[in-house]
Amino acid sequence: MFNQTAKFRIGEIVRHRLFPFRGVIYDVDPQFANTEEWWEAIPENLRPRKDQPFYHLLAENDETHYVAYVSEQNLLPDTSGEPVEHPTVSELFTDFDGKSYMRKPDIKLN
């Protein structure tokens, strides 16, 4: 089995490599942990490998806020210095330093 350390960490702001959205990471799966239907719904030419970390994001684009599940190969650091405006950010995180958020200590995921 392939094992890889996650490149990004919880609280870090990232952007998608191909699509115009960005978000803050709130959880990480060491490898693909979504449904087969979700994976197969991705066009084959864009389908990511399953043997890499996948990130749960509080995501946003110019039109809306949502939750995204993105492979590590499709993420880049966000260098805008801008906070993420997703309404759930304040429920999970506190201070923002221009690059990442601090997770609230009393928040348990899963």
C-alpha atoms as a PDB file:
ATOM      1  CA  MET A   1       0.000   0.000   0.000  1.00  0.00           C
ATOM      2  CA  PHE A   2       1.224   3.483  -0.897  1.00  0.00           C
ATOM      3  CA  ASN A   3       1.783   5.737   2.096  1.00  0.00           C
ATOM      4  CA  GLN A   4       2.435   9.453   1.833  1.00  0.00           C
ATOM      5  CA  THR A   5       2.613  12.267   4.347  1.00  0.00           C
ATOM      6  CA  ALA A   6       0.124  15.038   3.661  1.00  0.00           C
ATOM      7  CA  LYS A   7       1.716  18.090   2.044  1.00  0.00           C
ATOM      8  CA  PHE A   8      -0.860  20.504   3.482  1.00  0.00           C
ATOM      9  CA  ARG A   9      -2.158  20.799   7.029  1.00  0.00           C
ATOM     10  CA  ILE A  10      -5.462  21.532   8.705  1.00  0.00           C
ATOM     11  CA  GLY A  11      -6.127  25.273   8.749  1.00  0.00           C
ATOM     12  CA  GLU A  12      -4.037  25.986   5.663  1.00  0.00           C
ATOM     13  CA  ILE A  13      -5.598  27.915   2.774  1.00  0.00           C
ATOM     14  CA  VAL A  14      -5.212  26.302  -0.625  1.00  0.00           C
ATOM     15  CA  ARG A  15      -6.529  26.787  -4.125  1.00  0.00           C
ATOM     16  CA  HIS A  16      -7.470  24.298  -6.811  1.00  0.00           C
ATOM     17  CA  ARG A  17      -4.930  23.773  -9.568  1.00  0.00           C
ATOM     18  CA  LEU A  18      -7.528  23.589 -12.376  1.00  0.00           C
ATOM     19  CA  PHE A  19     -10.742  25.197 -11.145  1.00  0.00           C
ATOM     20  CA  PRO A  20     -11.366  28.708  -9.754  1.00  0.00           C
ATOM     21  CA  PHE A  21     -11.934  27.998  -6.081  1.00  0.00           C
ATOM     22  CA  ARG A  22     -10.014  28.144  -2.849  1.00  0.00           C
ATOM     23  CA  GLY A  23     -10.646  27.001   0.691  1.00  0.00           C
ATOM     24  CA  VAL A  24      -9.385  26.172   4.145  1.00  0.00           C
ATOM     25  CA  ILE A  25      -8.544  22.545   4.981  1.00  0.00           C
ATOM     26  CA  TYR A  26     -10.571  21.165   7.867  1.00  0.00           C
ATOM     27  CA  ASP A  27      -9.731  17.448   7.579  1.00  0.00           C
ATOM     28  CA  VAL A  28      -7.348  15.137   5.708  1.00  0.00           C
ATOM     29  CA  ASP A  29      -7.722  11.533   4.548  1.00  0.00           C
ATOM     30  CA  PRO A  30      -4.366   9.755   4.016  1.00  0.00           C
ATOM     31  CA  GLN A  31      -5.825   8.292   0.825  1.00  0.00           C
ATOM     32  CA  PHE A  32      -9.128   8.375  -1.045  1.00  0.00           C
ATOM     33  CA  ALA A  33     -12.044   7.739   1.342  1.00  0.00           C
ATOM     34  CA  ASN A  34     -15.117   8.844  -0.617  1.00  0.00           C
ATOM     35  CA  THR A  35     -17.588   6.743  -2.592  1.00  0.00           C
ATOM     36  CA  GLU A  36     -16.798   4.955  -5.819  1.00  0.00           C
ATOM     37  CA  GLU A  37     -19.725   6.829  -7.397  1.00  0.00           C
ATOM     38  CA  TRP A  38     -18.145  10.156  -6.481  1.00  0.00           C
ATOM     39  CA  TRP A  39     -14.819   9.114  -8.022  1.00  0.00           C
ATOM     40  CA  GLU A  40     -16.415   7.746 -11.205  1.00  0.00           C
ATOM     41  CA  ALA A  41     -18.411  10.972 -11.670  1.00  0.00           C
ATOM     42  CA  ILE A  42     -15.135  12.804 -12.328  1.00  0.00           C
ATOM     43  CA  PRO A  43     -14.282  12.830 -16.041  1.00  0.00           C
ATOM     44  CA  GLU A  44     -11.698  10.116 -16.640  1.00  0.00           C
ATOM     45  CA  ASN A  45      -9.108  12.535 -18.013  1.00  0.00           C
ATOM     46  CA  LEU A  46      -9.346  14.573 -14.766  1.00  0.00           C
ATOM     47  CA  ARG A  47      -9.754  11.684 -12.303  1.00  0.00           C
ATOM     48  CA  PRO A  48      -7.075  11.804  -9.588  1.00  0.00           C
ATOM     49  CA  ARG A  49      -5.108   8.854  -8.250  1.00  0.00           C
ATOM     50  CA  LYS A  50      -6.628   7.303  -5.125  1.00  0.00           C
ATOM     51  CA  ASP A  51      -3.273   6.612  -3.444  1.00  0.00           C
ATOM     52  CA  GLN A  52      -2.624  10.138  -2.198  1.00  0.00           C
ATOM     53  CA  PRO A  53      -3.968  12.401   0.547  1.00  0.00           C
ATOM     54  CA  PHE A  54      -7.420  13.904  -0.018  1.00  0.00           C
ATOM     55  CA  TYR A  55      -8.486  17.108   1.698  1.00  0.00           C
ATOM     56  CA  HIS A  56     -11.837  18.292   3.018  1.00  0.00           C
ATOM     57  CA  LEU A  57     -12.183  22.017   2.335  1.00  0.00           C
ATOM     58  CA  LEU A  58     -14.517  24.787   3.351  1.00  0.00           C
ATOM     59  CA  ALA A  59     -14.444  26.128  -0.182  1.00  0.00           C
ATOM     60  CA  GLU A  60     -15.522  29.277  -1.970  1.00  0.00           C
ATOM     61  CA  ASN A  61     -15.593  30.730  -5.441  1.00  0.00           C
ATOM     62  CA  ASP A  62     -16.928  34.048  -6.740  1.00  0.00           C
ATOM     63  CA  GLU A  63     -20.522  32.832  -6.449  1.00  0.00           C
ATOM     64  CA  THR A  64     -20.947  30.541  -3.448  1.00  0.00           C
ATOM     65  CA  HIS A  65     -19.545  28.659  -0.454  1.00  0.00           C
ATOM     66  CA  TYR A  66     -19.526  24.862  -0.242  1.00  0.00           C
ATOM     67  CA  VAL A  67     -17.626  21.822   1.012  1.00  0.00           C
ATOM     68  CA  ALA A  68     -15.119  20.229  -1.384  1.00  0.00           C
ATOM     69  CA  TYR A  69     -13.121  16.982  -1.384  1.00  0.00           C
ATOM     70  CA  VAL A  70      -9.887  17.429  -3.344  1.00  0.00           C
ATOM     71  CA  SER A  71      -6.834  15.295  -4.085  1.00  0.00           C
ATOM     72  CA  GLU A  72      -3.428  16.595  -3.118  1.00  0.00           C
ATOM     73  CA  GLN A  73      -2.295  16.622  -6.778  1.00  0.00           C
ATOM     74  CA  ASN A  74      -4.957  19.253  -7.499  1.00  0.00           C
ATOM     75  CA  LEU A  75      -4.089  21.686  -4.712  1.00  0.00           C
ATOM     76  CA  LEU A  76      -1.642  24.571  -4.531  1.00  0.00           C
ATOM     77  CA  PRO A  77      -0.883  26.958  -1.661  1.00  0.00           C
ATOM     78  CA  ASP A  78      -3.026  30.088  -1.764  1.00  0.00           C
ATOM     79  CA  THR A  79      -0.752  33.125  -1.635  1.00  0.00           C
ATOM     80  CA  SER A  80      -3.431  35.836  -1.687  1.00  0.00           C
ATOM     81  CA  GLY A  81      -3.211  36.505   2.058  1.00  0.00           C
ATOM     82  CA  GLU A  82      -7.006  36.824   2.095  1.00  0.00           C
ATOM     83  CA  PRO A  83      -9.190  34.978   4.624  1.00  0.00           C
ATOM     84  CA  VAL A  84     -11.759  32.431   3.485  1.00  0.00           C
ATOM     85  CA  GLU A  85     -15.288  33.828   3.817  1.00  0.00           C
ATOM     86  CA  HIS A  86     -17.053  30.452   4.217  1.00  0.00           C
ATOM     87  CA  PRO A  87     -19.642  30.796   7.023  1.00  0.00           C
ATOM     88  CA  THR A  88     -18.420  27.659   8.838  1.00  0.00           C
ATOM     89  CA  VAL A  89     -14.834  28.914   9.262  1.00  0.00           C
ATOM     90  CA  SER A  90     -15.624  30.622  12.574  1.00  0.00           C
ATOM     91  CA  GLU A  91     -17.125  27.382  13.960  1.00  0.00           C
ATOM     92  CA  LEU A  92     -13.898  25.414  13.420  1.00  0.00           C
ATOM     93  CA  PHE A  93     -11.089  27.978  13.501  1.00  0.00           C
ATOM     94  CA  THR A  94      -9.838  31.053  15.342  1.00  0.00           C
ATOM     95  CA  ASP A  95      -6.898  33.275  14.436  1.00  0.00           C
ATOM     96  CA  PHE A  96      -5.900  33.848  10.803  1.00  0.00           C
ATOM     97  CA  ASP A  97      -2.267  34.811  10.118  1.00  0.00           C
ATOM     98  CA  GLY A  98      -2.560  35.554   6.394  1.00  0.00           C
ATOM     99  CA  LYS A  99      -1.732  31.980   5.406  1.00  0.00           C
ATOM    100  CA  SER A 100      -3.654  29.652   7.698  1.00  0.00           C
ATOM    101  CA  TYR A 101      -6.126  29.427  10.557  1.00  0.00           C
ATOM    102  CA  MET A 102      -5.697  27.941  14.023  1.00  0.00           C
ATOM    103  CA  ARG A 103      -8.173  25.138  14.721  1.00  0.00           C
ATOM    104  CA  LYS A 104     -10.268  25.617  17.834  1.00  0.00           C
ATOM    105  CA  PRO A 105      -8.886  23.260  20.486  1.00  0.00           C
ATOM    106  CA  ASP A 106     -12.283  21.856  21.489  1.00  0.00           C
ATOM    107  CA  ILE A 107     -13.277  20.800  17.934  1.00  0.00           C
ATOM    108  CA  LYS A 108     -13.294  17.058  17.261  1.00  0.00           C
ATOM    109  CA  LEU A 109     -13.648  15.787  13.703  1.00  0.00           C
ATOM    110  CA  ASN A 110     -15.024  12.300  13.014  1.00  0.00           C
END
